[in-house]
Amino acid sequence: MASYSVFIKTSAAKELETIEPRALRSRIISRIRGLAQTPRPQGAEKLVGEEERYRIRQGAFRIVYSIDDERRMVEVVKIGHRREVYR
C-alpha cells in the first residue's frame, strides 16, 4: 500500500508546540506520522457533520484531520485536549 503525505496546518503546529510534557508531545507526533501509512487506523472516527474529517485519540488529546484519497494526502487540522478541541 502506498503511503500518504501528511501535512500539519500552521495553527495545529502551534497547538502541538504548547503540549507538555514533552513525552506526550512525542507520542502525538508518532500518531501523526502513523497516518502516512494508515490514514484510517483502528479507533479513528469520522466526525458528524464534517466533510471527510476524522479524529484519533492520544490519551486526553485529540488529533482532528482530513483525508484526500485522490491526492493521497492527510492534513492535520487541529490538535487539542478533548474538552477544547471541538469548539
PDB file of N, CA and C in Angstrom:
ATOM      1  N   MET A   1       0.842  -1.177   0.000  1.00  0.00           N
ATOM      2  CA  MET A   1       0.000   0.000   0.000  1.00  0.00           C
ATOM      3  C   MET A   1       0.890   1.243   0.000  1.00  0.00           C
ATOM      4  N   ALA A   2       0.628   2.164  -0.902  1.00  0.00           N
ATOM      5  CA  ALA A   2       1.400   3.404  -0.992  1.00  0.00           C
ATOM      6  C   ALA A   2       1.063   4.315   0.175  1.00  0.00           C
ATOM      7  N   SER A   3       2.030   5.095   0.586  1.00  0.00           N
ATOM      8  CA  SER A   3       1.805   5.957   1.743  1.00  0.00           C
ATOM      9  C   SER A   3       1.205   7.299   1.328  1.00  0.00           C
ATOM     10  N   TYR A   4       0.643   7.955   2.291  1.00  0.00           N
ATOM     11  CA  TYR A   4       0.039   9.271   2.120  1.00  0.00           C
ATOM     12  C   TYR A   4       1.045  10.325   2.575  1.00  0.00           C
ATOM     13  N   SER A   5       0.906  11.532   2.053  1.00  0.00           N
ATOM     14  CA  SER A   5       1.681  12.669   2.544  1.00  0.00           C
ATOM     15  C   SER A   5       0.921  13.267   3.713  1.00  0.00           C
ATOM     16  N   VAL A   6       1.632  13.646   4.763  1.00  0.00           N
ATOM     17  CA  VAL A   6       0.996  14.226   5.943  1.00  0.00           C
ATOM     18  C   VAL A   6       1.433  15.676   6.067  1.00  0.00           C
ATOM     19  N   PHE A   7       0.457  16.571   6.135  1.00  0.00           N
ATOM     20  CA  PHE A   7       0.706  17.994   6.308  1.00  0.00           C
ATOM     21  C   PHE A   7       0.036  18.452   7.592  1.00  0.00           C
ATOM     22  N   ILE A   8       0.690  19.347   8.297  1.00  0.00           N
ATOM     23  CA  ILE A   8       0.127  19.902   9.522  1.00  0.00           C
ATOM     24  C   ILE A   8      -0.094  21.393   9.300  1.00  0.00           C
ATOM     25  N   LYS A   9      -1.337  21.833   9.485  1.00  0.00           N
ATOM     26  CA  LYS A   9      -1.619  23.266   9.351  1.00  0.00           C
ATOM     27  C   LYS A   9      -0.796  24.038  10.375  1.00  0.00           C
ATOM     28  N   THR A  10      -0.486  25.283  10.056  1.00  0.00           N
ATOM     29  CA  THR A  10       0.312  26.129  10.945  1.00  0.00           C
ATOM     30  C   THR A  10      -0.340  26.260  12.312  1.00  0.00           C
ATOM     31  N   SER A  11      -1.649  26.422  12.352  1.00  0.00           N
ATOM     32  CA  SER A  11      -2.347  26.555  13.630  1.00  0.00           C
ATOM     33  C   SER A  11      -2.235  25.270  14.450  1.00  0.00           C
ATOM     34  N   ALA A  12      -2.308  24.110  13.805  1.00  0.00           N
ATOM     35  CA  ALA A  12      -2.180  22.838  14.514  1.00  0.00           C
ATOM     36  C   ALA A  12      -0.751  22.651  15.023  1.00  0.00           C
ATOM     37  N   ALA A  13       0.233  23.104  14.260  1.00  0.00           N
ATOM     38  CA  ALA A  13       1.634  23.009  14.691  1.00  0.00           C
ATOM     39  C   ALA A  13       1.861  23.855  15.943  1.00  0.00           C
ATOM     40  N   LYS A  14       1.242  25.020  15.994  1.00  0.00           N
ATOM     41  CA  LYS A  14       1.359  25.875  17.182  1.00  0.00           C
ATOM     42  C   LYS A  14       0.706  25.213  18.387  1.00  0.00           C
ATOM     43  N   GLU A  15      -0.444  24.572  18.162  1.00  0.00           N
ATOM     44  CA  GLU A  15      -1.115  23.861  19.252  1.00  0.00           C
ATOM     45  C   GLU A  15      -0.246  22.711  19.764  1.00  0.00           C
ATOM     46  N   LEU A  16       0.426  22.043  18.846  1.00  0.00           N
ATOM     47  CA  LEU A  16       1.297  20.936  19.210  1.00  0.00           C
ATOM     48  C   LEU A  16       2.482  21.405  20.056  1.00  0.00           C
ATOM     49  N   GLU A  17       3.038  22.554  19.722  1.00  0.00           N
ATOM     50  CA  GLU A  17       4.186  23.085  20.454  1.00  0.00           C
ATOM     51  C   GLU A  17       3.864  23.403  21.912  1.00  0.00           C
ATOM     52  N   THR A  18       2.610  23.697  22.214  1.00  0.00           N
ATOM     53  CA  THR A  18       2.237  24.077  23.580  1.00  0.00           C
ATOM     54  C   THR A  18       1.974  22.878  24.490  1.00  0.00           C
ATOM     55  N   ILE A  19       1.939  21.673  23.926  1.00  0.00           N
ATOM     56  CA  ILE A  19       1.613  20.489  24.723  1.00  0.00           C
ATOM     57  C   ILE A  19       2.811  20.082  25.577  1.00  0.00           C
ATOM     58  N   GLU A  20       2.553  19.952  26.865  1.00  0.00           N
ATOM     59  CA  GLU A  20       3.549  19.487  27.830  1.00  0.00           C
ATOM     60  C   GLU A  20       2.956  18.299  28.556  1.00  0.00           C
ATOM     61  N   PRO A  21       3.699  17.346  29.009  1.00  0.00           N
ATOM     62  CA  PRO A  21       5.140  17.185  28.938  1.00  0.00           C
ATOM     63  C   PRO A  21       5.597  16.767  27.548  1.00  0.00           C
ATOM     64  N   ARG A  22       6.876  16.855  27.344  1.00  0.00           N
ATOM     65  CA  ARG A  22       7.476  16.573  26.037  1.00  0.00           C
ATOM     66  C   ARG A  22       7.220  15.129  25.594  1.00  0.00           C
ATOM     67  N   ALA A  23       7.153  14.192  26.531  1.00  0.00           N
ATOM     68  CA  ALA A  23       6.899  12.784  26.192  1.00  0.00           C
ATOM     69  C   ALA A  23       5.524  12.621  25.544  1.00  0.00           C
ATOM     70  N   LEU A  24       4.533  13.346  26.041  1.00  0.00           N
ATOM     71  CA  LEU A  24       3.199  13.299  25.449  1.00  0.00           C
ATOM     72  C   LEU A  24       3.230  13.866  24.034  1.00  0.00           C
ATOM     73  N   ARG A  25       3.956  14.960  23.849  1.00  0.00           N
ATOM     74  CA  ARG A  25       4.091  15.559  22.525  1.00  0.00           C
ATOM     75  C   ARG A  25       4.723  14.549  21.556  1.00  0.00           C
ATOM     76  N   SER A  26       5.699  13.797  22.017  1.00  0.00           N
ATOM     77  CA  SER A  26       6.356  12.791  21.171  1.00  0.00           C
ATOM     78  C   SER A  26       5.388  11.690  20.760  1.00  0.00           C
ATOM     79  N   ARG A  27       4.516  11.270  21.678  1.00  0.00           N
ATOM     80  CA  ARG A  27       3.525  10.246  21.334  1.00  0.00           C
ATOM     81  C   ARG A  27       2.527  10.765  20.314  1.00  0.00           C
ATOM     82  N   ILE A  28       2.145  12.025  20.424  1.00  0.00           N
ATOM     83  CA  ILE A  28       1.218  12.626  19.463  1.00  0.00           C
ATOM     84  C   ILE A  28       1.876  12.698  18.086  1.00  0.00           C
ATOM     85  N   ILE A  29       3.135  13.104  18.045  1.00  0.00           N
ATOM     86  CA  ILE A  29       3.863  13.167  16.769  1.00  0.00           C
ATOM     87  C   ILE A  29       3.964  11.779  16.145  1.00  0.00           C
ATOM     88  N   SER A  30       4.178  10.778  16.964  1.00  0.00           N
ATOM     89  CA  SER A  30       4.246   9.409  16.464  1.00  0.00           C
ATOM     90  C   SER A  30       2.914   8.983  15.849  1.00  0.00           C
ATOM     91  N   ARG A  31       1.805   9.336  16.492  1.00  0.00           N
ATOM     92  CA  ARG A  31       0.479   9.018  15.943  1.00  0.00           C
ATOM     93  C   ARG A  31       0.257   9.722  14.602  1.00  0.00           C
ATOM     94  N   ILE A  32       0.701  10.971  14.512  1.00  0.00           N
ATOM     95  CA  ILE A  32       0.546  11.725  13.267  1.00  0.00           C
ATOM     96  C   ILE A  32       1.365  11.079  12.159  1.00  0.00           C
ATOM     97  N   ARG A  33       2.586  10.680  12.460  1.00  0.00           N
ATOM     98  CA  ARG A  33       3.423  10.000  11.460  1.00  0.00           C
ATOM     99  C   ARG A  33       2.787   8.708  10.989  1.00  0.00           C
ATOM    100  N   GLY A  34       2.105   8.012  11.890  1.00  0.00           N
ATOM    101  CA  GLY A  34       1.435   6.762  11.539  1.00  0.00           C
ATOM    102  C   GLY A  34       0.306   6.942  10.535  1.00  0.00           C
ATOM    103  N   LEU A  35      -0.239   8.151  10.460  1.00  0.00           N
ATOM    104  CA  LEU A  35      -1.314   8.423   9.495  1.00  0.00           C
ATOM    105  C   LEU A  35      -0.826   8.310   8.057  1.00  0.00           C
ATOM    106  N   ALA A  36       0.479   8.429   7.826  1.00  0.00           N
ATOM    107  CA  ALA A  36       1.019   8.304   6.471  1.00  0.00           C
ATOM    108  C   ALA A  36       0.815   6.882   5.940  1.00  0.00           C
ATOM    109  N   GLN A  37       0.949   5.896   6.799  1.00  0.00           N
ATOM    110  CA  GLN A  37       0.769   4.508   6.376  1.00  0.00           C
ATOM    111  C   GLN A  37      -0.683   4.051   6.472  1.00  0.00           C
ATOM    112  N   THR A  38      -1.373   4.497   7.504  1.00  0.00           N
ATOM    113  CA  THR A  38      -2.753   4.089   7.746  1.00  0.00           C
ATOM    114  C   THR A  38      -3.574   5.320   8.090  1.00  0.00           C
ATOM    115  N   PRO A  39      -4.173   5.983   7.099  1.00  0.00           N
ATOM    116  CA  PRO A  39      -4.920   7.209   7.379  1.00  0.00           C
ATOM    117  C   PRO A  39      -6.216   6.980   8.160  1.00  0.00           C
ATOM    118  N   ARG A  40      -6.702   5.756   8.177  1.00  0.00           N
ATOM    119  CA  ARG A  40      -7.899   5.432   8.959  1.00  0.00           C
ATOM    120  C   ARG A  40      -7.560   4.286   9.916  1.00  0.00           C
ATOM    121  N   PRO A  41      -6.744   4.570  10.941  1.00  0.00           N
ATOM    122  CA  PRO A  41      -6.336   3.500  11.862  1.00  0.00           C
ATOM    123  C   PRO A  41      -7.499   3.030  12.721  1.00  0.00           C
ATOM    124  N   GLN A  42      -7.287   1.907  13.378  1.00  0.00           N
ATOM    125  CA  GLN A  42      -8.301   1.405  14.294  1.00  0.00           C
ATOM    126  C   GLN A  42      -8.532   2.456  15.373  1.00  0.00           C
ATOM    127  N   GLY A  43      -9.778   2.757  15.645  1.00  0.00           N
ATOM    128  CA  GLY A  43     -10.121   3.762  16.640  1.00  0.00           C
ATOM    129  C   GLY A  43     -10.393   5.132  16.050  1.00  0.00           C
ATOM    130  N   ALA A  44     -10.099   5.345  14.775  1.00  0.00           N
ATOM    131  CA  ALA A  44     -10.394   6.628  14.136  1.00  0.00           C
ATOM    132  C   ALA A  44     -11.904   6.730  13.920  1.00  0.00           C
ATOM    133  N   GLU A  45     -12.444   7.887  14.180  1.00  0.00           N
ATOM    134  CA  GLU A  45     -13.876   8.092  13.995  1.00  0.00           C
ATOM    135  C   GLU A  45     -14.126   9.274  13.082  1.00  0.00           C
ATOM    136  N   LYS A  46     -15.076   9.095  12.173  1.00  0.00           N
ATOM    137  CA  LYS A  46     -15.472  10.186  11.286  1.00  0.00           C
ATOM    138  C   LYS A  46     -16.316  11.164  12.089  1.00  0.00           C
ATOM    139  N   LEU A  47     -16.023  12.450  11.950  1.00  0.00           N
ATOM    140  CA  LEU A  47     -16.774  13.460  12.680  1.00  0.00           C
ATOM    141  C   LEU A  47     -18.114  13.715  12.004  1.00  0.00           C
ATOM    142  N   VAL A  48     -19.154  13.779  12.783  1.00  0.00           N
ATOM    143  CA  VAL A  48     -20.504  14.001  12.276  1.00  0.00           C
ATOM    144  C   VAL A  48     -20.622  15.442  11.797  1.00  0.00           C
ATOM    145  N   GLY A  49     -21.182  15.625  10.605  1.00  0.00           N
ATOM    146  CA  GLY A  49     -21.398  16.960  10.077  1.00  0.00           C
ATOM    147  C   GLY A  49     -20.171  17.566   9.423  1.00  0.00           C
ATOM    148  N   GLU A  50     -19.092  16.837   9.362  1.00  0.00           N
ATOM    149  CA  GLU A  50     -17.861  17.347   8.747  1.00  0.00           C
ATOM    150  C   GLU A  50     -17.544  16.508   7.516  1.00  0.00           C
ATOM    151  N   GLU A  51     -17.173  17.164   6.451  1.00  0.00           N
ATOM    152  CA  GLU A  51     -16.818  16.501   5.207  1.00  0.00           C
ATOM    153  C   GLU A  51     -15.427  15.891   5.321  1.00  0.00           C
ATOM    154  N   GLU A  52     -15.352  14.581   5.340  1.00  0.00           N
ATOM    155  CA  GLU A  52     -14.080  13.857   5.377  1.00  0.00           C
ATOM    156  C   GLU A  52     -13.147  14.289   6.506  1.00  0.00           C
ATOM    157  N   ARG A  53     -13.677  14.544   7.677  1.00  0.00           N
ATOM    158  CA  ARG A  53     -12.845  14.854   8.844  1.00  0.00           C
ATOM    159  C   ARG A  53     -12.929  13.689   9.820  1.00  0.00           C
ATOM    160  N   TYR A  54     -11.788  13.332  10.353  1.00  0.00           N
ATOM    161  CA  TYR A  54     -11.681  12.229  11.292  1.00  0.00           C
ATOM    162  C   TYR A  54     -10.958  12.699  12.539  1.00  0.00           C
ATOM    163  N   ARG A  55     -11.034  11.880  13.588  1.00  0.00           N
ATOM    164  CA  ARG A  55     -10.281  12.170  14.793  1.00  0.00           C
ATOM    165  C   ARG A  55      -9.716  10.875  15.349  1.00  0.00           C
ATOM    166  N   ILE A  56      -8.529  10.997  15.910  1.00  0.00           N
ATOM    167  CA  ILE A  56      -7.935   9.884  16.632  1.00  0.00           C
ATOM    168  C   ILE A  56      -7.567  10.376  18.020  1.00  0.00           C
ATOM    169  N   ARG A  57      -7.497   9.449  18.952  1.00  0.00           N
ATOM    170  CA  ARG A  57      -7.211   9.779  20.342  1.00  0.00           C
ATOM    171  C   ARG A  57      -5.755   9.490  20.660  1.00  0.00           C
ATOM    172  N   GLN A  58      -5.182  10.315  21.499  1.00  0.00           N
ATOM    173  CA  GLN A  58      -3.891  10.031  22.118  1.00  0.00           C
ATOM    174  C   GLN A  58      -4.007  10.518  23.547  1.00  0.00           C
ATOM    175  N   GLY A  59      -4.374   9.604  24.426  1.00  0.00           N
ATOM    176  CA  GLY A  59      -4.628   9.983  25.817  1.00  0.00           C
ATOM    177  C   GLY A  59      -5.826  10.913  25.882  1.00  0.00           C
ATOM    178  N   ALA A  60      -5.675  12.042  26.557  1.00  0.00           N
ATOM    179  CA  ALA A  60      -6.762  13.021  26.678  1.00  0.00           C
ATOM    180  C   ALA A  60      -6.778  13.995  25.508  1.00  0.00           C
ATOM    181  N   PHE A  61      -5.873  13.817  24.549  1.00  0.00           N
ATOM    182  CA  PHE A  61      -5.788  14.724  23.411  1.00  0.00           C
ATOM    183  C   PHE A  61      -6.412  14.096  22.176  1.00  0.00           C
ATOM    184  N   ARG A  62      -6.873  14.961  21.285  1.00  0.00           N
ATOM    185  CA  ARG A  62      -7.476  14.525  20.034  1.00  0.00           C
ATOM    186  C   ARG A  62      -6.731  15.161  18.863  1.00  0.00           C
ATOM    187  N   ILE A  63      -6.594  14.396  17.802  1.00  0.00           N
ATOM    188  CA  ILE A  63      -5.978  14.874  16.562  1.00  0.00           C
ATOM    189  C   ILE A  63      -7.076  14.842  15.514  1.00  0.00           C
ATOM    190  N   VAL A  64      -7.459  16.008  15.017  1.00  0.00           N
ATOM    191  CA  VAL A  64      -8.519  16.120  14.009  1.00  0.00           C
ATOM    192  C   VAL A  64      -7.829  16.338  12.668  1.00  0.00           C
ATOM    193  N   TYR A  65      -8.225  15.552  11.669  1.00  0.00           N
ATOM    194  CA  TYR A  65      -7.560  15.625  10.368  1.00  0.00           C
ATOM    195  C   TYR A  65      -8.534  15.311   9.243  1.00  0.00           C
ATOM    196  N   SER A  66      -8.127  15.686   8.032  1.00  0.00           N
ATOM    197  CA  SER A  66      -8.933  15.378   6.845  1.00  0.00           C
ATOM    198  C   SER A  66      -8.094  14.522   5.905  1.00  0.00           C
ATOM    199  N   ILE A  67      -8.785  13.753   5.080  1.00  0.00           N
ATOM    200  CA  ILE A  67      -8.127  12.833   4.153  1.00  0.00           C
ATOM    201  C   ILE A  67      -8.573  13.156   2.740  1.00  0.00           C
ATOM    202  N   ASP A  68      -7.613  13.273   1.833  1.00  0.00           N
ATOM    203  CA  ASP A  68      -7.895  13.434   0.409  1.00  0.00           C
ATOM    204  C   ASP A  68      -7.312  12.203  -0.294  1.00  0.00           C
ATOM    205  N   ASP A  69      -8.179  11.226  -0.590  1.00  0.00           N
ATOM    206  CA  ASP A  69      -7.718   9.969  -1.173  1.00  0.00           C
ATOM    207  C   ASP A  69      -7.203  10.132  -2.597  1.00  0.00           C
ATOM    208  N   GLU A  70      -7.751  11.069  -3.343  1.00  0.00           N
ATOM    209  CA  GLU A  70      -7.302  11.275  -4.726  1.00  0.00           C
ATOM    210  C   GLU A  70      -5.853  11.743  -4.780  1.00  0.00           C
ATOM    211  N   ARG A  71      -5.511  12.704  -3.915  1.00  0.00           N
ATOM    212  CA  ARG A  71      -4.137  13.230  -3.883  1.00  0.00           C
ATOM    213  C   ARG A  71      -3.264  12.500  -2.870  1.00  0.00           C
ATOM    214  N   ARG A  72      -3.849  11.507  -2.167  1.00  0.00           N
ATOM    215  CA  ARG A  72      -3.149  10.716  -1.158  1.00  0.00           C
ATOM    216  C   ARG A  72      -2.481  11.630  -0.135  1.00  0.00           C
ATOM    217  N   MET A  73      -3.337  12.460   0.485  1.00  0.00           N
ATOM    218  CA  MET A  73      -2.858  13.466   1.411  1.00  0.00           C
ATOM    219  C   MET A  73      -3.705  13.462   2.686  1.00  0.00           C
ATOM    220  N   VAL A  74      -3.022  13.603   3.827  1.00  0.00           N
ATOM    221  CA  VAL A  74      -3.672  13.758   5.127  1.00  0.00           C
ATOM    222  C   VAL A  74      -3.266  15.126   5.652  1.00  0.00           C
ATOM    223  N   GLU A  75      -4.254  15.933   6.066  1.00  0.00           N
ATOM    224  CA  GLU A  75      -3.957  17.249   6.617  1.00  0.00           C
ATOM    225  C   GLU A  75      -4.469  17.320   8.054  1.00  0.00           C
ATOM    226  N   VAL A  76      -3.534  17.526   8.988  1.00  0.00           N
ATOM    227  CA  VAL A  76      -3.897  17.664  10.394  1.00  0.00           C
ATOM    228  C   VAL A  76      -4.419  19.083  10.583  1.00  0.00           C
ATOM    229  N   VAL A  77      -5.651  19.198  11.053  1.00  0.00           N
ATOM    230  CA  VAL A  77      -6.341  20.470  11.153  1.00  0.00           C
ATOM    231  C   VAL A  77      -6.257  21.053  12.560  1.00  0.00           C
ATOM    232  N   LYS A  78      -6.363  20.187  13.576  1.00  0.00           N
ATOM    233  CA  LYS A  78      -6.431  20.674  14.954  1.00  0.00           C
ATOM    234  C   LYS A  78      -5.895  19.604  15.895  1.00  0.00           C
ATOM    235  N   ILE A  79      -5.206  20.055  16.929  1.00  0.00           N
ATOM    236  CA  ILE A  79      -4.711  19.177  17.982  1.00  0.00           C
ATOM    237  C   ILE A  79      -5.043  19.849  19.298  1.00  0.00           C
ATOM    238  N   GLY A  80      -5.704  19.120  20.187  1.00  0.00           N
ATOM    239  CA  GLY A  80      -6.045  19.750  21.452  1.00  0.00           C
ATOM    240  C   GLY A  80      -6.598  18.779  22.469  1.00  0.00           C
ATOM    241  N   HIS A  81      -6.774  19.270  23.681  1.00  0.00           N
ATOM    242  CA  HIS A  81      -7.367  18.489  24.746  1.00  0.00           C
ATOM    243  C   HIS A  81      -8.809  18.174  24.393  1.00  0.00           C
ATOM    244  N   ARG A  82      -9.295  17.059  24.824  1.00  0.00           N
ATOM    245  CA  ARG A  82     -10.629  16.598  24.426  1.00  0.00           C
ATOM    246  C   ARG A  82     -11.743  17.554  24.807  1.00  0.00           C
ATOM    247  N   ARG A  83     -11.574  18.313  25.862  1.00  0.00           N
ATOM    248  CA  ARG A  83     -12.642  19.234  26.276  1.00  0.00           C
ATOM    249  C   ARG A  83     -12.656  20.518  25.444  1.00  0.00           C
ATOM    250  N   GLU A  84     -11.595  20.778  24.682  1.00  0.00           N
ATOM    251  CA  GLU A  84     -11.494  22.030  23.935  1.00  0.00           C
ATOM    252  C   GLU A  84     -11.434  21.870  22.417  1.00  0.00           C
ATOM    253  N   VAL A  85     -11.099  20.705  21.946  1.00  0.00           N
ATOM    254  CA  VAL A  85     -10.774  20.550  20.525  1.00  0.00           C
ATOM    255  C   VAL A  85     -11.967  20.722  19.593  1.00  0.00           C
ATOM    256  N   TYR A  86     -13.172  20.451  20.045  1.00  0.00           N
ATOM    257  CA  TYR A  86     -14.342  20.515  19.150  1.00  0.00           C
ATOM    258  C   TYR A  86     -15.024  21.869  19.140  1.00  0.00           C
ATOM    259  N   ARG A  87     -14.536  22.817  19.886  1.00  0.00           N
ATOM    260  CA  ARG A  87     -15.160  24.140  19.945  1.00  0.00           C
ATOM    261  C   ARG A  87     -14.813  24.969  18.751  1.00  0.00           C
TER     262      ARG A  87
END
